[in-house]
């Protein structure tokens, strides 16, 4: 499909400098591109042509570090899950689970201790004091 310019350079600057609806601008951000730019080119230009992709896939030359099919992916994930469950079972049998115990009464997990330094809590409080206080109703009606 041939591309055509919809905005002049001045109109493009105005669009980015004075957006009327920020939400719409963000939604359309992926649709915007700069003609002639290598950094902000159209997303479609980054993709392999369909014929090249199909030829590479059929020749098994995609060189992807992920499984090519859902069945392969699910099989790999199931294998990892089984290994993790076996490790957990072994640790539980030896009573070596970190911060947890399994016995005839069930599972008991030790509560986490708050180890945040006092200085960090003070800094957090001071940082939150710098933020404007927004009513939830104002936030909901803006969206």
Protein backbone atom coordinates (compact mmCIF):
# COMPACT_ATOMS: atom_id res chain seq x y z
CA UNK A 1 0.00 0.00 0.00
CA UNK A 2 1.57 3.34 -1.00
CA UNK A 3 2.14 5.81 1.80
CA UNK A 4 1.11 9.40 1.58
CA UNK A 5 2.02 12.35 3.75
CA UNK A 6 -0.92 13.50 5.85
CA UNK A 7 0.81 16.31 7.72
CA UNK A 8 3.23 18.99 6.73
CA UNK A 9 6.41 19.33 8.85
CA UNK A 10 4.86 22.33 10.66
CA UNK A 11 1.69 20.39 11.42
CA UNK A 12 3.78 17.50 12.78
CA UNK A 13 5.56 19.86 15.18
CA UNK A 14 2.21 21.28 16.29
CA UNK A 15 0.84 17.78 16.84
CA UNK A 16 3.68 16.86 19.17
CA UNK A 17 3.99 20.22 20.87
CA UNK A 18 0.28 20.84 21.47
CA UNK A 19 -1.62 17.58 21.77
CA UNK A 20 -5.32 18.08 22.33
CA UNK A 21 -5.91 14.63 23.79
CA UNK A 22 -2.87 12.97 25.38
CA UNK A 23 -4.59 9.59 25.52
CA UNK A 24 -5.23 9.63 21.79
CA UNK A 25 -1.64 10.67 21.09
CA UNK A 26 -0.31 7.79 23.19
CA UNK A 27 -2.70 5.33 21.51
CA UNK A 28 -1.55 6.47 18.08
CA UNK A 29 2.16 6.61 18.99
CA UNK A 30 2.87 3.30 17.29
CA UNK A 31 1.19 4.52 14.11
CA UNK A 32 3.39 7.59 13.78
CA UNK A 33 6.68 7.49 11.93
CA UNK A 34 9.14 9.91 10.37
CA UNK A 35 9.68 9.47 6.66
CA UNK A 36 13.38 9.06 5.85
CA UNK A 37 14.36 8.41 9.46
CA UNK A 38 16.26 5.26 10.39
CA UNK A 39 15.41 5.61 14.08
CA UNK A 40 11.69 6.43 13.77
CA UNK A 41 10.74 4.47 10.69
CA UNK A 42 7.43 2.73 10.18
CA UNK A 43 7.16 -0.45 12.27
CA UNK A 44 6.42 -2.55 9.18
CA UNK A 45 9.85 -1.63 7.81
CA UNK A 46 11.52 -3.48 10.70
CA UNK A 47 9.86 -6.78 9.78
CA UNK A 48 11.08 -9.39 7.34
CA UNK A 49 9.01 -9.64 4.17
CA UNK A 50 6.50 -12.49 4.47
CA UNK A 51 8.08 -14.52 1.67
CA UNK A 52 11.56 -14.28 3.23
CA UNK A 53 10.18 -15.23 6.67
CA UNK A 54 8.35 -18.28 5.30
CA UNK A 55 11.43 -19.42 3.38
CA UNK A 56 13.66 -19.06 6.46
CA UNK A 57 11.12 -20.84 8.68
CA UNK A 58 10.74 -23.77 6.28
CA UNK A 59 14.55 -24.08 6.05
CA UNK A 60 14.77 -23.85 9.88
CA UNK A 61 17.07 -20.81 9.63
CA UNK A 62 15.26 -18.35 11.90
CA UNK A 63 17.91 -18.73 14.62
CA UNK A 64 15.44 -17.98 17.39
CA UNK A 65 16.24 -18.72 21.03
CA UNK A 66 12.62 -19.65 21.65
CA UNK A 67 10.67 -22.71 20.58
CA UNK A 68 9.05 -22.36 17.19
CA UNK A 69 5.75 -23.97 18.18
CA UNK A 70 3.39 -23.78 21.13
CA UNK A 71 3.78 -27.53 21.72
CA UNK A 72 7.57 -27.20 22.03
CA UNK A 73 7.20 -24.22 24.37
CA UNK A 74 4.67 -25.97 26.60
CA UNK A 75 6.80 -29.13 26.68
CA UNK A 76 9.87 -27.11 27.76
CA UNK A 77 7.90 -25.26 30.44
CA UNK A 78 6.39 -28.51 31.74
CA UNK A 79 9.87 -30.01 32.02
CA UNK A 80 11.06 -26.97 34.03
CA UNK A 81 7.99 -27.17 36.27
CA UNK A 82 8.57 -30.87 36.96
CA UNK A 83 12.23 -30.19 37.83
CA UNK A 84 11.23 -27.36 40.21
CA UNK A 85 8.60 -29.55 41.88
CA UNK A 86 11.11 -32.38 42.29
CA UNK A 87 13.61 -29.96 43.91
CA UNK A 88 10.89 -28.62 46.19
CA UNK A 89 9.81 -32.14 47.16
CA UNK A 90 13.42 -33.14 47.90
CA UNK A 91 14.00 -30.03 50.04
CA UNK A 92 10.70 -30.53 51.87
CA UNK A 93 11.55 -34.16 52.60
CA UNK A 94 14.88 -33.10 54.10
CA UNK A 95 13.22 -30.21 56.01
CA UNK A 96 15.46 -27.76 54.12
CA UNK A 97 12.89 -25.45 52.54
CA UNK A 98 13.91 -21.85 53.18
CA UNK A 99 11.42 -20.08 55.49
CA UNK A 100 8.85 -22.89 55.19
CA UNK A 101 7.99 -26.15 56.91
CA UNK A 102 5.81 -29.00 55.72
CA UNK A 103 4.57 -31.54 58.25
CA UNK A 104 1.46 -33.57 59.02
CA UNK A 105 -0.36 -30.35 59.97
CA UNK A 106 0.30 -28.76 56.59
CA UNK A 107 2.46 -25.96 55.21
CA UNK A 108 3.74 -23.19 57.45
CA UNK A 109 5.54 -20.23 55.90
CA UNK A 110 7.58 -17.95 58.12
CA UNK A 111 6.46 -14.32 57.99
CA UNK A 112 8.80 -11.92 56.25
CA UNK A 113 10.63 -9.47 58.45
CA UNK A 114 10.72 -5.83 57.49
CA UNK A 115 14.39 -5.07 56.98
CA UNK A 116 13.95 -1.68 55.33
CA UNK A 117 16.44 0.77 56.85
CA UNK A 118 14.91 3.62 58.87
CA UNK A 119 16.60 6.15 56.57
CA UNK A 120 14.91 4.61 53.53
CA UNK A 121 11.50 4.81 55.18
CA UNK A 122 12.13 8.48 56.00
CA UNK A 123 13.19 9.18 52.41
CA UNK A 124 10.08 7.38 51.13
CA UNK A 125 7.86 9.55 53.33
CA UNK A 126 9.59 12.74 52.19
CA UNK A 127 9.28 11.70 48.55
CA UNK A 128 5.55 11.00 48.85
CA UNK A 129 5.09 14.40 50.51
CA UNK A 130 6.44 16.00 47.31
CA UNK A 131 3.75 14.39 45.14
CA UNK A 132 0.44 16.17 44.63
CA UNK A 133 -2.51 14.74 46.50
CA UNK A 134 -5.03 13.53 43.92
CA UNK A 135 -8.59 12.56 44.73
CA UNK A 136 -9.53 9.16 43.36
CA UNK A 137 -12.70 10.60 41.83
CA UNK A 138 -10.66 13.16 39.88
CA UNK A 139 -8.37 10.42 38.66
CA UNK A 140 -11.26 8.20 37.55
CA UNK A 141 -13.17 10.95 35.73
CA UNK A 142 -10.06 12.00 33.76
CA UNK A 143 -9.63 8.58 32.10
